[in-house]
PDB file of N, CA and C in Angstrom:
ATOM      1  N   MET A   1     155.867 132.824 -34.961  1.00  0.00           N
ATOM      2  CA  MET A   1     155.772 131.774 -35.965  1.00  0.00           C
ATOM      3  C   MET A   1     157.103 131.734 -36.715  1.00  0.00           C
ATOM      4  N   THR A   2     157.664 130.564 -36.816  1.00  0.00           N
ATOM      5  CA  THR A   2     158.958 130.417 -37.499  1.00  0.00           C
ATOM      6  C   THR A   2     158.755 130.472 -39.000  1.00  0.00           C
ATOM      7  N   PRO A   3     159.810 130.737 -39.742  1.00  0.00           N
ATOM      8  CA  PRO A   3     159.692 130.764 -41.210  1.00  0.00           C
ATOM      9  C   PRO A   3     159.214 129.424 -41.779  1.00  0.00           C
ATOM     10  N   LEU A   4     159.629 128.330 -41.169  1.00  0.00           N
ATOM     11  CA  LEU A   4     159.193 127.015 -41.649  1.00  0.00           C
ATOM     12  C   LEU A   4     157.692 126.839 -41.448  1.00  0.00           C
ATOM     13  N   GLN A   5     157.191 127.290 -40.328  1.00  0.00           N
ATOM     14  CA  GLN A   5     155.750 127.210 -40.074  1.00  0.00           C
ATOM     15  C   GLN A   5     154.979 128.113 -41.034  1.00  0.00           C
ATOM     16  N   SER A   6     155.545 129.259 -41.352  1.00  0.00           N
ATOM     17  CA  SER A   6     154.897 130.163 -42.304  1.00  0.00           C
ATOM     18  C   SER A   6     154.784 129.513 -43.676  1.00  0.00           C
ATOM     19  N   TRP A   7     155.853 128.882 -44.125  1.00  0.00           N
ATOM     20  CA  TRP A   7     155.828 128.196 -45.430  1.00  0.00           C
ATOM     21  C   TRP A   7     154.836 127.023 -45.408  1.00  0.00           C
ATOM     22  N   ALA A   8     154.816 126.301 -44.295  1.00  0.00           N
ATOM     23  CA  ALA A   8     153.890 125.175 -44.183  1.00  0.00           C
ATOM     24  C   ALA A   8     152.443 125.661 -44.238  1.00  0.00           C
ATOM     25  N   LEU A   9     152.160 126.764 -43.571  1.00  0.00           N
ATOM     26  CA  LEU A   9     150.812 127.319 -43.597  1.00  0.00           C
ATOM     27  C   LEU A   9     150.439 127.807 -44.991  1.00  0.00           C
ATOM     28  N   LEU A  10     151.385 128.443 -45.668  1.00  0.00           N
ATOM     29  CA  LEU A  10     151.136 128.918 -47.034  1.00  0.00           C
ATOM     30  C   LEU A  10     150.848 127.749 -47.980  1.00  0.00           C
ATOM     31  N   VAL A  11     151.638 126.707 -47.882  1.00  0.00           N
ATOM     32  CA  VAL A  11     151.421 125.524 -48.726  1.00  0.00           C
ATOM     33  C   VAL A  11     150.076 124.889 -48.412  1.00  0.00           C
ATOM     34  N   LEU A  12     149.750 124.810 -47.146  1.00  0.00           N
ATOM     35  CA  LEU A  12     148.478 124.231 -46.736  1.00  0.00           C
ATOM     36  C   LEU A  12     147.298 125.014 -47.311  1.00  0.00           C
ATOM     37  N   VAL A  13     147.371 126.328 -47.237  1.00  0.00           N
ATOM     38  CA  VAL A  13     146.299 127.174 -47.777  1.00  0.00           C
ATOM     39  C   VAL A  13     146.221 127.033 -49.296  1.00  0.00           C
ATOM     40  N   LEU A  14     147.373 126.979 -49.955  1.00  0.00           N
ATOM     41  CA  LEU A  14     147.383 126.856 -51.417  1.00  0.00           C
ATOM     42  C   LEU A  14     146.898 125.493 -51.898  1.00  0.00           C
ATOM     43  N   VAL A  15     146.981 124.486 -51.059  1.00  0.00           N
ATOM     44  CA  VAL A  15     146.496 123.154 -51.431  1.00  0.00           C
ATOM     45  C   VAL A  15     145.020 122.997 -51.082  1.00  0.00           C
ATOM     46  N   ILE A  16     144.643 123.419 -49.892  1.00  0.00           N
ATOM     47  CA  ILE A  16     143.273 123.210 -49.436  1.00  0.00           C
ATOM     48  C   ILE A  16     142.298 124.172 -50.112  1.00  0.00           C
ATOM     49  N   GLY A  17     142.727 125.389 -50.393  1.00  0.00           N
ATOM     50  CA  GLY A  17     141.845 126.378 -51.029  1.00  0.00           C
ATOM     51  C   GLY A  17     141.241 125.891 -52.339  1.00  0.00           C
ATOM     52  N   PRO A  18     142.073 125.490 -53.312  1.00  0.00           N
ATOM     53  CA  PRO A  18     141.511 124.981 -54.569  1.00  0.00           C
ATOM     54  C   PRO A  18     140.657 123.721 -54.398  1.00  0.00           C
ATOM     55  N   CYS A  19     141.021 122.879 -53.421  1.00  0.00           N
ATOM     56  CA  CYS A  19     140.208 121.674 -53.173  1.00  0.00           C
ATOM     57  C   CYS A  19     138.801 122.056 -52.714  1.00  0.00           C
ATOM     58  N   ILE A  20     138.704 123.041 -51.851  1.00  0.00           N
ATOM     59  CA  ILE A  20     137.397 123.493 -51.381  1.00  0.00           C
ATOM     60  C   ILE A  20     136.602 124.111 -52.526  1.00  0.00           C
ATOM     61  N   LEU A  21     137.264 124.900 -53.353  1.00  0.00           N
ATOM     62  CA  LEU A  21     136.577 125.506 -54.503  1.00  0.00           C
ATOM     63  C   LEU A  21     136.092 124.437 -55.484  1.00  0.00           C
ATOM     64  N   TRP A  22     136.932 123.427 -55.735  1.00  0.00           N
ATOM     65  CA  TRP A  22     136.538 122.349 -56.646  1.00  0.00           C
ATOM     66  C   TRP A  22     135.358 121.562 -56.074  1.00  0.00           C
ATOM     67  N   LEU A  23     135.400 121.290 -54.777  1.00  0.00           N
ATOM     68  CA  LEU A  23     134.310 120.562 -54.138  1.00  0.00           C
ATOM     69  C   LEU A  23     133.004 121.353 -54.202  1.00  0.00           C
ATOM     70  N   ALA A  24     133.076 122.650 -53.976  1.00  0.00           N
ATOM     71  CA  ALA A  24     131.878 123.491 -54.071  1.00  0.00           C
ATOM     72  C   ALA A  24     131.330 123.491 -55.487  1.00  0.00           C
ATOM     73  N   TYR A  25     132.199 123.516 -56.480  1.00  0.00           N
ATOM     74  CA  TYR A  25     131.767 123.471 -57.884  1.00  0.00           C
ATOM     75  C   TYR A  25     131.084 122.143 -58.195  1.00  0.00           C
ATOM     76  N   GLU A  26     131.661 121.040 -57.742  1.00  0.00           N
ATOM     77  CA  GLU A  26     131.075 119.716 -57.997  1.00  0.00           C
ATOM     78  C   GLU A  26     129.702 119.590 -57.348  1.00  0.00           C
ATOM     79  N   ILE A  27     129.558 120.101 -56.140  1.00  0.00           N
ATOM     80  CA  ILE A  27     128.264 120.042 -55.470  1.00  0.00           C
ATOM     81  C   ILE A  27     127.244 120.870 -56.234  1.00  0.00           C
ATOM     82  N   LYS A  28     127.658 122.019 -56.725  1.00  0.00           N
ATOM     83  CA  LYS A  28     126.761 122.884 -57.486  1.00  0.00           C
ATOM     84  C   LYS A  28     126.319 122.204 -58.776  1.00  0.00           C
ATOM     85  N   VAL A  29     127.268 121.581 -59.466  1.00  0.00           N
ATOM     86  CA  VAL A  29     126.953 120.923 -60.735  1.00  0.00           C
ATOM     87  C   VAL A  29     126.019 119.741 -60.522  1.00  0.00           C
ATOM     88  N   ARG A  30     126.240 118.969 -59.489  1.00  0.00           N
ATOM     89  CA  ARG A  30     125.431 117.763 -59.263  1.00  0.00           C
ATOM     90  C   ARG A  30     124.042 118.050 -58.709  1.00  0.00           C
ATOM     91  N   THR A  31     123.857 119.199 -58.092  1.00  0.00           N
ATOM     92  CA  THR A  31     122.559 119.477 -57.479  1.00  0.00           C
ATOM     93  C   THR A  31     121.688 120.411 -58.294  1.00  0.00           C
ATOM     94  N   ARG A  32     122.198 120.984 -59.370  1.00  0.00           N
ATOM     95  CA  ARG A  32     121.356 121.890 -60.142  1.00  0.00           C
ATOM     96  C   ARG A  32     120.385 121.098 -61.010  1.00  0.00           C
ATOM     97  N   THR A  33     119.280 121.739 -61.338  1.00  0.00           N
ATOM     98  CA  THR A  33     118.280 121.082 -62.175  1.00  0.00           C
ATOM     99  C   THR A  33     118.762 121.080 -63.618  1.00  0.00           C
ATOM    100  N   PRO A  34     118.427 120.073 -64.380  1.00  0.00           N
ATOM    101  CA  PRO A  34     118.879 120.022 -65.769  1.00  0.00           C
ATOM    102  C   PRO A  34     118.268 121.160 -66.583  1.00  0.00           C
ATOM    103  N   ALA A  35     119.021 121.611 -67.543  1.00  0.00           N
ATOM    104  CA  ALA A  35     118.550 122.692 -68.408  1.00  0.00           C
ATOM    105  C   ALA A  35     117.433 122.182 -69.302  1.00  0.00           C
ATOM    106  N   ARG A  36     116.529 123.081 -69.645  1.00  0.00           N
ATOM    107  CA  ARG A  36     115.448 122.689 -70.546  1.00  0.00           C
ATOM    108  C   ARG A  36     116.022 122.474 -71.936  1.00  0.00           C
ATOM    109  N   GLY A  37     115.707 121.358 -72.493  1.00  0.00           N
ATOM    110  CA  GLY A  37     116.222 121.026 -73.815  1.00  0.00           C
ATOM    111  C   GLY A  37     115.225 121.394 -74.896  1.00  0.00           C
ATOM    112  N   ALA A  38     115.543 120.974 -76.082  1.00  0.00           N
ATOM    113  CA  ALA A  38     114.650 121.194 -77.211  1.00  0.00           C
ATOM    114  C   ALA A  38     113.381 120.369 -77.009  1.00  0.00           C
ATOM    115  N   PRO A  39     112.282 120.791 -77.602  1.00  0.00           N
ATOM    116  CA  PRO A  39     111.056 119.998 -77.466  1.00  0.00           C
ATOM    117  C   PRO A  39     111.266 118.581 -77.991  1.00  0.00           C
ATOM    118  N   ARG A  40     110.660 117.659 -77.300  1.00  0.00           N
ATOM    119  CA  ARG A  40     110.825 116.260 -77.705  1.00  0.00           C
ATOM    120  C   ARG A  40     110.112 115.996 -79.016  1.00  0.00           C
ATOM    121  N   GLN A  41     110.779 115.211 -79.841  1.00  0.00           N
ATOM    122  CA  GLN A  41     110.182 114.841 -81.119  1.00  0.00           C
ATOM    123  C   GLN A  41     109.258 113.645 -80.913  1.00  0.00           C
ATOM    124  N   GLN A  42     108.346 113.485 -81.845  1.00  0.00           N
ATOM    125  CA  GLN A  42     107.476 112.320 -81.786  1.00  0.00           C
ATOM    126  C   GLN A  42     108.326 111.077 -81.991  1.00  0.00           C
ATOM    127  N   PRO A  43     107.979 109.995 -81.318  1.00  0.00           N
ATOM    128  CA  PRO A  43     108.785 108.786 -81.471  1.00  0.00           C
ATOM    129  C   PRO A  43     108.773 108.305 -82.910  1.00  0.00           C
ATOM    130  N   GLY A  44     109.931 107.902 -83.361  1.00  0.00           N
ATOM    131  CA  GLY A  44     110.074 107.429 -84.732  1.00  0.00           C
ATOM    132  C   GLY A  44     109.609 105.998 -84.878  1.00  0.00           C
ATOM    133  N   VAL A  45     109.821 105.479 -86.047  1.00  0.00           N
ATOM    134  CA  VAL A  45     109.391 104.114 -86.345  1.00  0.00           C
ATOM    135  C   VAL A  45     110.138 103.122 -85.472  1.00  0.00           C
ATOM    136  N   ARG A  46     111.416 103.361 -85.247  1.00  0.00           N
ATOM    137  CA  ARG A  46     112.198 102.419 -84.446  1.00  0.00           C
ATOM    138  C   ARG A  46     111.666 102.308 -83.028  1.00  0.00           C
ATOM    139  N   LYS A  47     111.379 103.450 -82.395  1.00  0.00           N
ATOM    140  CA  LYS A  47     110.906 103.402 -81.014  1.00  0.00           C
ATOM    141  C   LYS A  47     109.533 102.757 -80.929  1.00  0.00           C
ATOM    142  N   SER A  48     108.648 103.084 -81.852  1.00  0.00           N
ATOM    143  CA  SER A  48     107.327 102.488 -81.783  1.00  0.00           C
ATOM    144  C   SER A  48     107.387 100.999 -82.118  1.00  0.00           C
ATOM    145  N   ALA A  49     108.323 100.614 -82.979  1.00  0.00           N
ATOM    146  CA  ALA A  49     108.443  99.199 -83.317  1.00  0.00           C
ATOM    147  C   ALA A  49     108.938  98.406 -82.104  1.00  0.00           C
ATOM    148  N   VAL A  50     109.732  99.033 -81.269  1.00  0.00           N
ATOM    149  CA  VAL A  50     110.223  98.329 -80.092  1.00  0.00           C
ATOM    150  C   VAL A  50     109.085  98.088 -79.114  1.00  0.00           C
ATOM    151  N   ARG A  51     108.151  99.021 -79.042  1.00  0.00           N
ATOM    152  CA  ARG A  51     107.038  98.878 -78.111  1.00  0.00           C
ATOM    153  C   ARG A  51     106.074  97.760 -78.510  1.00  0.00           C
ATOM    154  N   ILE A  52     106.023  97.425 -79.771  1.00  0.00           N
ATOM    155  CA  ILE A  52     105.091  96.391 -80.226  1.00  0.00           C
ATOM    156  C   ILE A  52     105.657  95.030 -79.836  1.00  0.00           C
ATOM    157  N   ARG A  53     104.918  94.332 -79.024  1.00  0.00           N
ATOM    158  CA  ARG A  53     105.365  93.010 -78.603  1.00  0.00           C
ATOM    159  C   ARG A  53     105.162  92.030 -79.751  1.00  0.00           C
ATOM    160  N   ALA A  54     106.161  91.255 -80.033  1.00  0.00           N
ATOM    161  CA  ALA A  54     106.059  90.288 -81.115  1.00  0.00           C
ATOM    162  C   ALA A  54     105.067  89.196 -80.732  1.00  0.00           C
ATOM    163  N   HIS A  55     104.221  88.830 -81.666  1.00  0.00           N
ATOM    164  CA  HIS A  55     103.241  87.797 -81.374  1.00  0.00           C
ATOM    165  C   HIS A  55     103.908  86.428 -81.443  1.00  0.00           C
ATOM    166  N   GLN A  56     103.345  85.497 -80.715  1.00  0.00           N
ATOM    167  CA  GLN A  56     103.869  84.146 -80.722  1.00  0.00           C
ATOM    168  C   GLN A  56     103.437  83.455 -82.006  1.00  0.00           C
ATOM    169  N   PRO A  57     104.267  82.584 -82.549  1.00  0.00           N
ATOM    170  CA  PRO A  57     103.925  81.929 -83.820  1.00  0.00           C
ATOM    171  C   PRO A  57     102.639  81.103 -83.761  1.00  0.00           C
ATOM    172  N   ASP A  58     102.280  80.587 -82.588  1.00  0.00           N
ATOM    173  CA  ASP A  58     101.100  79.736 -82.511  1.00  0.00           C
ATOM    174  C   ASP A  58      99.820  80.522 -82.246  1.00  0.00           C
ATOM    175  N   GLU A  59      99.896  81.861 -82.073  1.00  0.00           N
ATOM    176  CA  GLU A  59      98.675  82.634 -81.866  1.00  0.00           C
ATOM    177  C   GLU A  59      98.436  83.539 -83.066  1.00  0.00           C
ATOM    178  N   PRO A  60      97.188  83.798 -83.395  1.00  0.00           N
ATOM    179  CA  PRO A  60      96.911  84.674 -84.538  1.00  0.00           C
ATOM    180  C   PRO A  60      97.351  86.100 -84.233  1.00  0.00           C
ATOM    181  N   TYR A  61      97.719  86.833 -85.262  1.00  0.00           N
ATOM    182  CA  TYR A  61      98.183  88.203 -85.100  1.00  0.00           C
ATOM    183  C   TYR A  61      96.986  89.121 -84.915  1.00  0.00           C
ATOM    184  N   ASP A  62      96.927  89.833 -83.788  1.00  0.00           N
ATOM    185  CA  ASP A  62      95.834  90.716 -83.484  1.00  0.00           C
ATOM    186  C   ASP A  62      96.283  92.150 -83.779  1.00  0.00           C
ATOM    187  N   HIS A  63      95.734  92.745 -84.867  1.00  0.00           N
ATOM    188  CA  HIS A  63      96.156  94.073 -85.271  1.00  0.00           C
ATOM    189  C   HIS A  63      95.782  95.142 -84.239  1.00  0.00           C
ATOM    190  N   GLU A  64      94.654  95.005 -83.605  1.00  0.00           N
ATOM    191  CA  GLU A  64      94.240  96.001 -82.604  1.00  0.00           C
ATOM    192  C   GLU A  64      95.137  95.921 -81.372  1.00  0.00           C
ATOM    193  N   LYS A  65      95.508  94.745 -80.992  1.00  0.00           N
ATOM    194  CA  LYS A  65      96.361  94.557 -79.823  1.00  0.00           C
ATOM    195  C   LYS A  65      97.738  95.177 -80.035  1.00  0.00           C
ATOM    196  N   HIS A  66      98.235  95.131 -81.252  1.00  0.00           N
ATOM    197  CA  HIS A  66      99.580  95.630 -81.554  1.00  0.00           C
ATOM    198  C   HIS A  66      99.553  97.057 -82.112  1.00  0.00           C
ATOM    199  N   GLY A  67      98.420  97.690 -82.103  1.00  0.00           N
ATOM    200  CA  GLY A  67      98.349  99.087 -82.491  1.00  0.00           C
ATOM    201  C   GLY A  67      98.388  99.331 -83.977  1.00  0.00           C
ATOM    202  N   LEU A  68      98.035  98.381 -84.773  1.00  0.00           N
ATOM    203  CA  LEU A  68      98.023  98.588 -86.231  1.00  0.00           C
ATOM    204  C   LEU A  68      96.626  98.655 -86.771  1.00  0.00           C
TER     205      LEU A  68
END
């Protein structure tokens, strides 16, 4: 093996090695299950207000239908 081929092989290994390690890390990060977070809080007023469908102006307001 000539000195030029040795340098080319060294450069190739130094370039491809980190790429393989980075790719393995990305695959690991994307395929792992999400960590368990804090317990979910009860929905606030804003979230529950979004769920309530606004009544049409020409129909009477039904409190039972809208959860009130």
